[in-house]
Amino acid sequence: MSTDRVADMLSSIRNAYKAQLPLVNIPYSGLLVDMCKVLEEEGFIRTHRVTEDGVKKNLVIELKYLDGEPAIRELKRVSKSGLRKYSQVSALPKHYNGLGISIVSTSKGVMTDFSARQQHVGGEVLCTVF
């Protein structure tokens, strides 16, 4: 496990889809829970929940498949720990001309690029999902 929890979560999801697993179990983080809420609202995952076993908290993500194919085709980390990518509201990227989403961490919370444009806030572009 590295120090970049977001990249670890995205890699775990990608690997679970390749192995056709129904669930992903990753260490808990508040930012990851917020990202899962966005993914669930947008229909990319079925659900997520926080479990606690003793001292450790874990985040369990139930993956979504459509006719045996993963609901997420592409999952890329944009802002990395070595090079943060911030964007103003006017320069927020559109992923696949609006078919995909970008998850943005703003001063008003974690949201999609579309929601950030509606609320007129920019922020750190965490990842893109298609």
Protein backbone atom coordinates (compact mmCIF):
# COMPACT_ATOMS: atom_id res chain seq x y z
CA MET A 1 0.00 0.00 0.00
CA SER A 2 1.34 3.40 -0.97
CA THR A 3 0.67 6.83 0.48
CA ASP A 4 -1.82 7.69 -2.27
CA ARG A 5 -5.10 6.17 -1.07
CA VAL A 6 -7.08 7.40 -4.08
CA ALA A 7 -4.73 5.69 -6.54
CA ASP A 8 -4.87 2.51 -4.42
CA MET A 9 -8.68 2.52 -4.50
CA LEU A 10 -8.79 3.05 -8.27
CA SER A 11 -6.27 0.23 -8.82
CA SER A 12 -8.25 -2.08 -6.54
CA ILE A 13 -11.45 -1.38 -8.47
CA ARG A 14 -9.71 -1.92 -11.82
CA ASN A 15 -8.18 -5.20 -10.65
CA ALA A 16 -11.48 -6.44 -9.18
CA TYR A 17 -13.26 -5.78 -12.47
CA LYS A 18 -10.57 -7.71 -14.36
CA ALA A 19 -11.02 -10.64 -11.96
CA GLN A 20 -14.86 -10.36 -12.16
CA LEU A 21 -15.13 -9.96 -8.36
CA PRO A 22 -18.40 -8.70 -6.86
CA LEU A 23 -16.82 -6.79 -3.93
CA VAL A 24 -13.73 -4.70 -3.22
CA ASN A 25 -12.43 -4.25 0.32
CA ILE A 26 -10.10 -1.27 0.93
CA PRO A 27 -8.90 0.67 3.99
CA TYR A 28 -11.24 3.44 5.15
CA SER A 29 -10.75 7.09 4.31
CA GLY A 30 -13.29 9.91 4.40
CA LEU A 31 -12.27 11.12 0.93
CA LEU A 32 -12.75 7.62 -0.50
CA VAL A 33 -16.25 7.40 1.01
CA ASP A 34 -17.13 10.73 -0.63
CA MET A 35 -15.79 9.48 -3.96
CA CYS A 36 -17.86 6.30 -3.62
CA LYS A 37 -20.98 8.39 -2.98
CA VAL A 38 -20.37 10.18 -6.27
CA LEU A 39 -19.75 6.90 -8.12
CA GLU A 40 -22.94 5.42 -6.65
CA GLU A 41 -25.05 8.49 -7.52
CA GLU A 42 -23.75 8.38 -11.10
CA GLY A 43 -24.50 4.64 -11.41
CA PHE A 44 -20.94 3.33 -11.72
CA ILE A 45 -21.08 1.12 -8.59
CA ARG A 46 -23.99 -0.60 -6.85
CA THR A 47 -23.34 0.45 -3.27
CA HIS A 48 -20.69 1.01 -0.66
CA ARG A 49 -20.56 0.58 3.11
CA VAL A 50 -18.13 1.06 5.97
CA THR A 51 -17.36 -1.98 8.10
CA GLU A 52 -15.46 -2.10 11.35
CA ASP A 53 -13.59 -5.12 12.65
CA GLY A 54 -11.95 -4.35 15.94
CA VAL A 55 -9.71 -1.33 15.47
CA LYS A 56 -9.69 -1.07 11.66
CA LYS A 57 -12.39 0.45 9.46
CA ASN A 58 -12.78 -0.82 5.92
CA LEU A 59 -14.70 0.42 2.92
CA VAL A 60 -16.55 -2.31 1.02
CA ILE A 61 -17.57 -1.44 -2.54
CA GLU A 62 -20.09 -3.58 -4.42
CA LEU A 63 -19.22 -3.42 -8.11
CA LYS A 64 -21.80 -3.09 -10.87
CA TYR A 65 -21.89 -5.24 -14.02
CA LEU A 66 -24.14 -4.71 -17.06
CA ASP A 67 -24.75 -7.93 -19.01
CA GLY A 68 -21.53 -9.37 -17.58
CA GLU A 69 -19.47 -6.30 -18.57
CA PRO A 70 -18.06 -3.86 -15.99
CA ALA A 71 -20.02 -0.62 -15.59
CA ILE A 72 -16.71 1.26 -15.51
CA ARG A 73 -14.69 1.03 -18.72
CA GLU A 74 -11.95 3.48 -17.81
CA LEU A 75 -10.75 4.80 -14.46
CA LYS A 76 -7.78 7.21 -14.43
CA ARG A 77 -6.08 9.20 -11.70
CA VAL A 78 -5.58 12.83 -12.79
CA SER A 79 -4.16 14.69 -9.79
CA LYS A 80 -1.28 12.70 -8.36
CA SER A 81 0.62 13.13 -5.11
CA GLY A 82 3.69 14.35 -7.04
CA LEU A 83 1.76 16.71 -9.31
CA ARG A 84 -1.57 18.13 -8.17
CA LYS A 85 -4.00 19.23 -10.91
CA TYR A 86 -6.29 22.10 -9.97
CA SER A 87 -8.84 23.60 -12.30
CA GLN A 88 -10.99 26.70 -12.33
CA VAL A 89 -14.68 26.23 -13.02
CA SER A 90 -14.27 27.56 -16.58
CA ALA A 91 -11.47 25.08 -17.33
CA LEU A 92 -12.94 21.89 -15.82
CA PRO A 93 -12.34 19.06 -18.30
CA LYS A 94 -15.21 17.29 -20.04
CA HIS A 95 -14.48 13.57 -20.23
CA TYR A 96 -15.58 11.96 -23.52
CA ASN A 97 -17.69 15.05 -24.31
CA GLY A 98 -19.80 14.63 -21.19
CA LEU A 99 -20.35 10.86 -21.40
CA GLY A 100 -17.84 10.24 -18.63
CA ILE A 101 -17.33 12.18 -15.42
CA SER A 102 -14.48 13.83 -13.60
CA ILE A 103 -14.54 13.67 -9.81
CA VAL A 104 -13.50 17.01 -8.32
CA SER A 105 -12.63 17.88 -4.74
CA THR A 106 -13.95 21.40 -4.10
CA SER A 107 -14.46 23.68 -1.14
CA LYS A 108 -18.09 22.48 -1.15
CA GLY A 109 -17.16 18.80 -1.06
CA VAL A 110 -16.43 16.03 -3.55
CA MET A 111 -18.63 16.19 -6.65
CA THR A 112 -18.74 15.60 -10.40
CA ASP A 113 -17.45 18.15 -12.88
CA PHE A 114 -21.05 18.84 -13.94
CA SER A 115 -22.11 19.66 -10.36
CA ALA A 116 -19.03 21.83 -9.88
CA ARG A 117 -19.93 23.83 -12.98
CA GLN A 118 -23.51 24.29 -11.72
CA GLN A 119 -22.26 25.51 -8.32
CA HIS A 120 -19.52 27.68 -9.93
CA VAL A 121 -16.63 26.14 -7.99
CA GLY A 122 -13.32 24.73 -9.16
CA GLY A 123 -10.94 22.44 -7.33
CA GLU A 124 -8.62 19.48 -7.54
CA VAL A 125 -9.51 17.04 -10.34
CA LEU A 126 -9.08 13.66 -8.60
CA CYS A 127 -9.95 11.19 -11.37
CA THR A 128 -11.92 10.56 -14.54
CA VAL A 129 -14.45 7.76 -14.98
CA PHE A 130 -16.01 6.36 -18.14
